Amino acid sequence: MTDKVQFLASLDTVGTENYIRYGVSGPQRYLKSSNQPTIPTPTSIQILISLIAADEKVMLALDAFSLQRSEHIPDNRTIWSGTHQNSQWVWVWDFYRMLSILTVEPAPDLAALLPQCHRILIRVDNQSAQITQSHPCKV
């Protein structure tokens, strides 16, 4: 493993809040007389990561993988973490500062691609909303 690399971007607050508040099924529409069920905060998230070159071509598209929620402080931050293809991934949704913070401890093959990367695109496809979070690559 090489050193950790961190990427910062403005947080997609609408998509991420909907995911935290309503889960993968999204906001439900209830009549005022209906009881609204309590929806548990998701404990994992399925993501797709792509490394995009300056010419907007995909350099690398990782298979979908899951991150587990390792911390959740309502209205403050949620931290997701996991391992995929020998790389450690940590994705922080900082609602207080409205930042998306991606930290990766890349495997050697991924580390070799990062200097040519223009941006990292993270997608979360779920029923509530598609979250698309772009992070500029400044390694």
Protein backbone atom coordinates (compact mmCIF):
# COMPACT_ATOMS: atom_id res chain seq x y z
CA MET A 1 0.00 0.00 0.00
CA THR A 2 1.08 3.55 -0.66
CA ASP A 3 0.30 6.73 1.21
CA LYS A 4 -3.25 7.90 1.71
CA VAL A 5 -4.65 10.43 -0.76
CA GLN A 6 -7.53 12.77 0.03
CA PHE A 7 -9.97 14.50 -2.35
CA LEU A 8 -12.42 17.28 -1.41
CA ALA A 9 -15.57 18.51 -3.15
CA SER A 10 -18.84 20.28 -2.40
CA LEU A 11 -21.32 17.74 -1.08
CA ASP A 12 -24.41 16.72 -3.07
CA THR A 13 -26.53 17.58 -0.04
CA VAL A 14 -29.95 16.77 -1.50
CA GLY A 15 -29.03 13.28 -2.65
CA THR A 16 -27.05 12.39 0.45
CA GLU A 17 -29.66 13.75 2.89
CA ASN A 18 -32.42 11.82 1.11
CA TYR A 19 -30.35 8.65 1.38
CA ILE A 20 -29.68 9.16 5.10
CA ARG A 21 -33.27 10.17 5.94
CA TYR A 22 -35.25 7.83 3.69
CA GLY A 23 -32.93 4.95 2.84
CA VAL A 24 -32.68 3.25 -0.52
CA SER A 25 -36.43 3.38 -1.20
CA GLY A 26 -36.49 7.18 -1.13
CA PRO A 27 -39.03 9.64 0.26
CA GLN A 28 -42.49 8.16 0.64
CA ARG A 29 -45.61 10.20 0.00
CA TYR A 30 -48.19 9.83 2.79
CA LEU A 31 -51.54 11.48 3.29
CA LYS A 32 -51.75 13.65 6.40
CA SER A 33 -53.95 11.05 8.11
CA SER A 34 -51.48 8.22 7.48
CA ASN A 35 -48.91 7.16 10.01
CA GLN A 36 -45.39 7.64 8.77
CA PRO A 37 -43.18 4.66 9.60
CA THR A 38 -39.76 5.15 11.13
CA ILE A 39 -37.08 4.47 8.54
CA PRO A 40 -33.73 3.24 9.88
CA THR A 41 -30.59 5.01 8.72
CA PRO A 42 -28.83 2.80 6.13
CA THR A 43 -25.85 0.85 7.43
CA SER A 44 -24.18 0.38 4.04
CA ILE A 45 -24.02 2.03 0.65
CA GLN A 46 -23.38 0.54 -2.80
CA ILE A 47 -21.09 2.75 -4.92
CA LEU A 48 -19.52 2.87 -8.37
CA ILE A 49 -16.21 4.71 -8.80
CA SER A 50 -14.72 5.94 -12.08
CA LEU A 51 -11.41 7.71 -12.67
CA ILE A 52 -11.89 10.28 -15.44
CA ALA A 53 -9.06 11.71 -17.57
CA ALA A 54 -8.82 15.36 -18.68
CA ASP A 55 -10.36 14.44 -22.05
CA GLU A 56 -13.40 13.03 -20.12
CA LYS A 57 -12.60 9.44 -21.04
CA VAL A 58 -12.95 6.83 -18.32
CA MET A 59 -9.49 5.65 -17.28
CA LEU A 60 -10.78 3.07 -14.82
CA ALA A 61 -14.25 2.00 -13.73
CA LEU A 62 -14.34 -0.07 -10.56
CA ASP A 63 -17.00 -2.72 -10.07
CA ALA A 64 -19.80 -1.76 -7.71
CA PHE A 65 -18.85 -2.33 -4.09
CA SER A 66 -20.22 -1.61 -0.63
CA LEU A 67 -19.01 0.73 2.04
CA GLN A 68 -20.18 0.22 5.62
CA ARG A 69 -21.34 3.11 7.77
CA SER A 70 -18.71 3.52 10.47
CA GLU A 71 -20.04 6.73 12.05
CA HIS A 72 -23.27 8.70 11.88
CA ILE A 73 -23.91 11.94 13.73
CA PRO A 74 -27.31 13.28 12.56
CA ASP A 75 -27.15 16.69 10.85
CA ASN A 76 -23.35 16.65 11.15
CA ARG A 77 -21.59 13.83 9.30
CA THR A 78 -21.74 10.27 8.10
CA ILE A 79 -18.63 8.18 7.43
CA TRP A 80 -18.58 5.19 5.08
CA SER A 81 -15.57 2.88 4.79
CA GLY A 82 -14.51 -0.33 3.13
CA THR A 83 -11.97 -2.20 1.05
CA HIS A 84 -12.11 -2.93 -2.67
CA GLN A 85 -9.41 -4.45 -4.88
CA ASN A 86 -6.77 -4.04 -2.14
CA SER A 87 -7.51 -0.31 -1.71
CA GLN A 88 -8.94 1.20 1.48
CA TRP A 89 -11.78 3.70 0.90
CA VAL A 90 -13.28 6.22 3.35
CA TRP A 91 -16.04 8.58 2.18
CA VAL A 92 -17.18 11.32 4.58
CA TRP A 93 -20.41 13.25 4.08
CA ASP A 94 -19.80 16.38 6.16
CA PHE A 95 -23.22 18.06 6.30
CA TYR A 96 -21.99 20.81 8.62
CA ARG A 97 -19.34 22.05 6.15
CA MET A 98 -21.21 20.71 3.06
CA LEU A 99 -18.11 18.77 1.99
CA SER A 100 -17.58 15.38 0.46
CA ILE A 101 -14.22 14.00 1.57
CA LEU A 102 -12.85 10.92 -0.14
CA THR A 103 -9.76 9.29 1.32
CA VAL A 104 -8.12 6.33 -0.36
CA GLU A 105 -5.12 4.25 0.51
CA PRO A 106 -4.61 2.93 -3.02
CA ALA A 107 -3.20 -0.38 -4.14
CA PRO A 108 -0.12 0.07 -6.37
CA ASP A 109 -2.06 -0.30 -9.66
CA LEU A 110 -4.57 2.36 -8.61
CA ALA A 111 -1.82 4.63 -7.25
CA ALA A 112 -0.12 4.55 -10.66
CA LEU A 113 -3.28 5.94 -12.32
CA LEU A 114 -4.00 8.76 -9.88
CA PRO A 115 -1.41 11.25 -11.26
CA GLN A 116 -3.11 11.14 -14.71
CA CYS A 117 -6.61 11.39 -13.22
CA HIS A 118 -8.59 14.63 -13.75
CA ARG A 119 -11.51 13.74 -11.46
CA ILE A 120 -12.99 10.85 -9.50
CA LEU A 121 -16.69 10.23 -10.00
CA ILE A 122 -18.70 8.38 -7.35
CA ARG A 123 -22.21 7.23 -8.17
CA VAL A 124 -24.83 5.80 -5.85
CA ASP A 125 -27.84 4.42 -7.66
CA ASN A 126 -30.88 3.94 -5.47
CA GLN A 127 -34.60 4.57 -5.58
CA SER A 128 -34.45 7.76 -3.50
CA ALA A 129 -32.18 9.65 -5.88
CA GLN A 130 -29.06 9.09 -7.83
CA ILE A 131 -26.14 10.60 -5.97
CA THR A 132 -23.36 11.72 -8.29
CA GLN A 133 -20.34 13.15 -6.52
CA SER A 134 -17.35 14.43 -8.46
CA HIS A 135 -13.97 15.03 -6.80
CA PRO A 136 -11.14 16.85 -8.60
CA CYS A 137 -7.90 14.88 -8.63
CA LYS A 138 -5.02 16.89 -7.24
CA VAL A 139 -2.38 14.37 -6.31
